[in-house]
Amino acid sequence: MPKKRREWTKEECLTALRNLSEALGGARPTAADLIGMVGRAAGCPPKGTIERLFGSFSVAVEAAGLSNLPTAGKKHRAESFSRAREQLEEFLKDKKVLFRSEKQAIVAQLGKCGVNQRAREDLVRMECRKRGIRVLKVPNDPALCAVISWLAGQPYLGILPDKELVEVTLGDEATRLLRATLEAGSFAAGARMAGYSLYNALKVAKNASRKAVEELVGKIWSQFSNAG
């Protein structure tokens, strides 16, 4: 004999949808959830049964009082975004400037939170703008990044010498060039503002920066050499 099909009542269907929502972590069930593994495990009625009793699946979800909840997908994305924002808060704490290479590393790190690349880039850009953090495009040279960070009043590898001492050690020419870089947001633009070719600017800035770091941090210069 063929197996007798179960006859579901409206109230049983609503209870099943609420159970499904609970199994989804408090999310609004979708038709895909209903017919999927979670829906089957929760003992839900067939989709056709719900549609026959309520007219449509969405009407049944509304009748169950679940229509204002986010779907499991949206809930997961919101939780992932929240984790990324919390982690970014730590990355940007006390930052005044952010080097382009640092920004790229942060965007990559936030990928572990489950947020897509475009959303991570947008989040970092918006947070930097909101906090007034300048994103600088400069050569990835540890000594150069160190003195630029110091001129901005920000520690580099946990070290922040007196700003006036940094300027004196750099010399007028390199200080003027690097302050122009801070103002322009990129080393190339700063070089043009200061009246240098990019080649000469790099030569002046790198030589002065390495000399300054060696003089100011002495024996722990190896930290800066290994940072790049």
Foldseek 3Di string as FASTA:
>chain_A
DDDDDDQDDLVNQLVLQVLLCVLLVNAQDDLCSCPDPSVVVSVHDHLVNNCVNQVHPQSSSVVSVHNPGHHSVVVLQVQLVVVLLVVVCVVCPPAQEAEPVRLVVSLVVSVVSVHDSVVSNVSNVVVCVVVNYQYAYEPPQLLLVQLLCLCSVHHDPNDHDDNVLSDVQLDDLLVQLSVLRVVVRYSCRSCVVSPHHSVVNCVSNVVSSLRSCCVPVPPVVVVSVVVD
